[in-house]
PDB file of N, CA and C in Angstrom:
ATOM      1  N   GLU A   1       5.850 -48.308 -19.782  1.00  0.00           N
ATOM      2  CA  GLU A   1       4.788 -47.346 -19.991  1.00  0.00           C
ATOM      3  C   GLU A   1       3.622 -47.583 -19.041  1.00  0.00           C
ATOM      4  N   MET A   2       3.247 -48.829 -18.897  1.00  0.00           N
ATOM      5  CA  MET A   2       2.047 -49.132 -18.122  1.00  0.00           C
ATOM      6  C   MET A   2       2.217 -48.838 -16.634  1.00  0.00           C
ATOM      7  N   ILE A   3       3.430 -48.912 -16.115  1.00  0.00           N
ATOM      8  CA  ILE A   3       3.616 -48.661 -14.685  1.00  0.00           C
ATOM      9  C   ILE A   3       4.100 -47.243 -14.401  1.00  0.00           C
ATOM     10  N   GLY A   4       4.269 -46.448 -15.444  1.00  0.00           N
ATOM     11  CA  GLY A   4       4.575 -45.036 -15.256  1.00  0.00           C
ATOM     12  C   GLY A   4       6.030 -44.678 -15.022  1.00  0.00           C
ATOM     13  N   ILE A   5       6.928 -45.617 -15.257  1.00  0.00           N
ATOM     14  CA  ILE A   5       8.350 -45.313 -15.097  1.00  0.00           C
ATOM     15  C   ILE A   5       8.851 -44.664 -16.388  1.00  0.00           C
ATOM     16  N   PRO A   6       9.505 -43.516 -16.297  1.00  0.00           N
ATOM     17  CA  PRO A   6       9.967 -42.850 -17.519  1.00  0.00           C
ATOM     18  C   PRO A   6      11.121 -43.619 -18.173  1.00  0.00           C
ATOM     19  N   TYR A   7      11.235 -43.460 -19.482  1.00  0.00           N
ATOM     20  CA  TYR A   7      12.339 -44.076 -20.213  1.00  0.00           C
ATOM     21  C   TYR A   7      13.656 -43.412 -19.845  1.00  0.00           C
ATOM     22  N   LEU A   8      14.730 -44.169 -19.866  1.00  0.00           N
ATOM     23  CA  LEU A   8      16.055 -43.592 -19.685  1.00  0.00           C
ATOM     24  C   LEU A   8      16.456 -42.899 -20.982  1.00  0.00           C
ATOM     25  N   PRO A   9      17.170 -41.789 -20.897  1.00  0.00           N
ATOM     26  CA  PRO A   9      17.575 -41.098 -22.115  1.00  0.00           C
ATOM     27  C   PRO A   9      18.650 -41.896 -22.859  1.00  0.00           C
ATOM     28  N   PRO A  10      18.689 -41.789 -24.184  1.00  0.00           N
ATOM     29  CA  PRO A  10      19.738 -42.484 -24.929  1.00  0.00           C
ATOM     30  C   PRO A  10      21.107 -41.889 -24.638  1.00  0.00           C
ATOM     31  N   PHE A  11      22.120 -42.736 -24.599  1.00  0.00           N
ATOM     32  CA  PHE A  11      23.484 -42.292 -24.301  1.00  0.00           C
ATOM     33  C   PHE A  11      23.997 -41.304 -25.341  1.00  0.00           C
ATOM     34  N   VAL A  12      23.611 -41.474 -26.608  1.00  0.00           N
ATOM     35  CA  VAL A  12      24.136 -40.624 -27.683  1.00  0.00           C
ATOM     36  C   VAL A  12      23.402 -39.294 -27.815  1.00  0.00           C
ATOM     37  N   ASP A  13      22.374 -39.063 -27.024  1.00  0.00           N
ATOM     38  CA  ASP A  13      21.644 -37.793 -27.074  1.00  0.00           C
ATOM     39  C   ASP A  13      22.531 -36.675 -26.531  1.00  0.00           C
ATOM     40  N   PRO A  14      22.723 -35.585 -27.295  1.00  0.00           N
ATOM     41  CA  PRO A  14      23.569 -34.484 -26.813  1.00  0.00           C
ATOM     42  C   PRO A  14      23.057 -33.843 -25.521  1.00  0.00           C
ATOM     43  N   ASN A  15      21.770 -33.999 -25.220  1.00  0.00           N
ATOM     44  CA  ASN A  15      21.199 -33.427 -24.000  1.00  0.00           C
ATOM     45  C   ASN A  15      21.411 -34.318 -22.776  1.00  0.00           C
ATOM     46  N   THR A  16      21.962 -35.504 -22.975  1.00  0.00           N
ATOM     47  CA  THR A  16      22.212 -36.421 -21.869  1.00  0.00           C
ATOM     48  C   THR A  16      23.560 -36.071 -21.241  1.00  0.00           C
ATOM     49  N   THR A  17      23.509 -35.206 -20.246  1.00  0.00           N
ATOM     50  CA  THR A  17      24.727 -34.747 -19.582  1.00  0.00           C
ATOM     51  C   THR A  17      24.494 -34.670 -18.074  1.00  0.00           C
ATOM     52  N   GLY A  18      25.564 -34.494 -17.339  1.00  0.00           N
ATOM     53  CA  GLY A  18      25.485 -34.247 -15.900  1.00  0.00           C
ATOM     54  C   GLY A  18      24.715 -35.280 -15.116  1.00  0.00           C
ATOM     55  N   LYS A  19      23.741 -34.818 -14.353  1.00  0.00           N
ATOM     56  CA  LYS A  19      22.981 -35.695 -13.455  1.00  0.00           C
ATOM     57  C   LYS A  19      22.134 -36.710 -14.212  1.00  0.00           C
ATOM     58  N   LYS A  20      21.775 -36.410 -15.461  1.00  0.00           N
ATOM     59  CA  LYS A  20      21.008 -37.382 -16.247  1.00  0.00           C
ATOM     60  C   LYS A  20      21.803 -38.665 -16.444  1.00  0.00           C
ATOM     61  N   ILE A  21      23.113 -38.528 -16.655  1.00  0.00           N
ATOM     62  CA  ILE A  21      23.959 -39.711 -16.830  1.00  0.00           C
ATOM     63  C   ILE A  21      24.040 -40.496 -15.527  1.00  0.00           C
ATOM     64  N   LEU A  22      24.105 -39.803 -14.403  1.00  0.00           N
ATOM     65  CA  LEU A  22      24.189 -40.477 -13.109  1.00  0.00           C
ATOM     66  C   LEU A  22      22.921 -41.254 -12.784  1.00  0.00           C
ATOM     67  N   ALA A  23      21.784 -40.828 -13.325  1.00  0.00           N
ATOM     68  CA  ALA A  23      20.519 -41.514 -13.080  1.00  0.00           C
ATOM     69  C   ALA A  23      20.355 -42.738 -13.969  1.00  0.00           C
ATOM     70  N   GLY A  24      21.166 -42.837 -15.028  1.00  0.00           N
ATOM     71  CA  GLY A  24      21.105 -43.977 -15.933  1.00  0.00           C
ATOM     72  C   GLY A  24      20.845 -43.555 -17.359  1.00  0.00           C
ATOM     73  N   VAL A  25      21.416 -44.288 -18.284  1.00  0.00           N
ATOM     74  CA  VAL A  25      21.221 -44.030 -19.706  1.00  0.00           C
ATOM     75  C   VAL A  25      20.945 -45.341 -20.425  1.00  0.00           C
ATOM     76  N   ASN A  26      20.415 -45.234 -21.620  1.00  0.00           N
ATOM     77  CA  ASN A  26      20.064 -46.383 -22.426  1.00  0.00           C
ATOM     78  C   ASN A  26      21.149 -46.598 -23.476  1.00  0.00           C
ATOM     79  N   PHE A  27      21.836 -47.737 -23.412  1.00  0.00           N
ATOM     80  CA  PHE A  27      22.866 -48.084 -24.386  1.00  0.00           C
ATOM     81  C   PHE A  27      22.325 -49.038 -25.453  1.00  0.00           C
ATOM     82  N   ALA A  28      21.034 -49.319 -25.451  1.00  0.00           N
ATOM     83  CA  ALA A  28      20.450 -50.317 -26.346  1.00  0.00           C
ATOM     84  C   ALA A  28      20.599 -49.929 -27.810  1.00  0.00           C
ATOM     85  N   SER A  29      20.655 -50.939 -28.637  1.00  0.00           N
ATOM     86  CA  SER A  29      20.763 -50.745 -30.081  1.00  0.00           C
ATOM     87  C   SER A  29      19.450 -51.131 -30.735  1.00  0.00           C
ATOM     88  N   ALA A  30      19.053 -50.372 -31.743  1.00  0.00           N
ATOM     89  CA  ALA A  30      17.821 -50.684 -32.469  1.00  0.00           C
ATOM     90  C   ALA A  30      17.965 -51.969 -33.264  1.00  0.00           C
ATOM     91  N   ALA A  31      19.177 -52.385 -33.545  1.00  0.00           N
ATOM     92  CA  ALA A  31      19.409 -53.604 -34.322  1.00  0.00           C
ATOM     93  C   ALA A  31      19.647 -54.824 -33.440  1.00  0.00           C
ATOM     94  N   ALA A  32      19.443 -54.686 -32.145  1.00  0.00           N
ATOM     95  CA  ALA A  32      19.646 -55.814 -31.245  1.00  0.00           C
ATOM     96  C   ALA A  32      18.384 -56.660 -31.201  1.00  0.00           C
ATOM     97  N   GLY A  33      18.530 -57.927 -31.435  1.00  0.00           N
ATOM     98  CA  GLY A  33      17.377 -58.806 -31.393  1.00  0.00           C
ATOM     99  C   GLY A  33      17.790 -60.255 -31.512  1.00  0.00           C
ATOM    100  N   ILE A  34      16.859 -61.145 -31.277  1.00  0.00           N
ATOM    101  CA  ILE A  34      17.179 -62.570 -31.319  1.00  0.00           C
ATOM    102  C   ILE A  34      16.971 -63.167 -32.709  1.00  0.00           C
ATOM    103  N   LEU A  35      16.284 -62.457 -33.579  1.00  0.00           N
ATOM    104  CA  LEU A  35      16.015 -62.981 -34.914  1.00  0.00           C
ATOM    105  C   LEU A  35      17.124 -62.598 -35.884  1.00  0.00           C
ATOM    106  N   ASP A  36      17.446 -63.493 -36.819  1.00  0.00           N
ATOM    107  CA  ASP A  36      18.493 -63.220 -37.800  1.00  0.00           C
ATOM    108  C   ASP A  36      18.176 -61.991 -38.651  1.00  0.00           C
ATOM    109  N   ASP A  37      16.913 -61.741 -38.937  1.00  0.00           N
ATOM    110  CA  ASP A  37      16.517 -60.620 -39.793  1.00  0.00           C
ATOM    111  C   ASP A  37      16.630 -59.263 -39.104  1.00  0.00           C
ATOM    112  N   THR A  38      16.816 -59.228 -37.813  1.00  0.00           N
ATOM    113  CA  THR A  38      16.806 -57.975 -37.060  1.00  0.00           C
ATOM    114  C   THR A  38      17.833 -56.976 -37.560  1.00  0.00           C
ATOM    115  N   GLY A  39      19.060 -57.384 -37.780  1.00  0.00           N
ATOM    116  CA  GLY A  39      20.121 -56.456 -38.143  1.00  0.00           C
ATOM    117  C   GLY A  39      20.474 -56.429 -39.616  1.00  0.00           C
ATOM    118  N   LEU A  40      19.629 -56.952 -40.478  1.00  0.00           N
ATOM    119  CA  LEU A  40      19.963 -57.008 -41.902  1.00  0.00           C
ATOM    120  C   LEU A  40      20.100 -55.639 -42.547  1.00  0.00           C
ATOM    121  N   ASN A  41      19.492 -54.617 -41.990  1.00  0.00           N
ATOM    122  CA  ASN A  41      19.562 -53.280 -42.581  1.00  0.00           C
ATOM    123  C   ASN A  41      20.850 -52.558 -42.224  1.00  0.00           C
ATOM    124  N   TYR A  42      21.674 -53.132 -41.370  1.00  0.00           N
ATOM    125  CA  TYR A  42      22.871 -52.438 -40.895  1.00  0.00           C
ATOM    126  C   TYR A  42      24.128 -53.100 -41.370  1.00  0.00           C
TER     127      TYR A  42
END
Protein backbone atom coordinates (compact mmCIF):
# COMPACT_ATOMS: atom_id res chain seq x y z
CA GLU A 1 0.00 0.00 0.00
CA MET A 2 2.66 2.48 1.00
CA ILE A 3 4.62 2.19 -2.26
CA GLY A 4 1.56 2.27 -4.49
CA ILE A 5 1.76 -1.19 -6.02
CA PRO A 6 -1.74 -2.60 -6.59
CA TYR A 7 -2.76 -5.90 -5.03
CA LEU A 8 -2.86 -8.97 -7.25
CA PRO A 9 -6.38 -10.28 -7.79
CA PRO A 10 -7.36 -13.48 -5.96
CA PHE A 11 -7.18 -16.64 -8.08
CA VAL A 12 -10.72 -17.70 -7.11
CA ASP A 13 -12.30 -14.39 -8.20
CA PRO A 14 -14.59 -15.04 -11.21
CA ASN A 15 -13.37 -11.75 -12.74
CA THR A 16 -9.76 -12.98 -12.76
CA THR A 17 -9.49 -14.08 -16.38
CA GLY A 18 -7.36 -13.55 -19.47
CA LYS A 19 -4.56 -11.01 -19.17
CA LYS A 20 -5.18 -10.55 -15.43
CA ILE A 21 -3.97 -14.11 -14.86
CA LEU A 22 -0.87 -13.48 -16.99
CA ALA A 23 0.01 -10.46 -14.82
CA GLY A 24 -0.16 -12.58 -11.65
CA VAL A 25 -2.70 -13.79 -9.14
CA ASN A 26 -2.81 -14.25 -5.40
CA PHE A 27 -2.99 -17.88 -4.22
CA ALA A 28 -2.63 -16.95 -0.53
CA SER A 29 -4.88 -18.45 2.10
CA ALA A 30 -6.48 -16.45 4.91
CA ALA A 31 -5.66 -19.33 7.26
CA ALA A 32 -1.95 -19.33 6.45
CA GLY A 33 0.20 -18.24 9.34
CA ILE A 34 3.00 -19.19 11.67
CA LEU A 35 0.87 -19.31 14.82
CA ASP A 36 -1.00 -22.46 15.86
CA ASP A 37 -4.20 -20.45 16.44
CA THR A 38 -4.27 -19.10 12.87
CA GLY A 39 -6.21 -21.96 11.27
CA LEU A 40 -8.37 -23.07 14.19
CA ASN A 41 -11.55 -21.76 12.53
CA TYR A 42 -11.10 -24.01 9.49
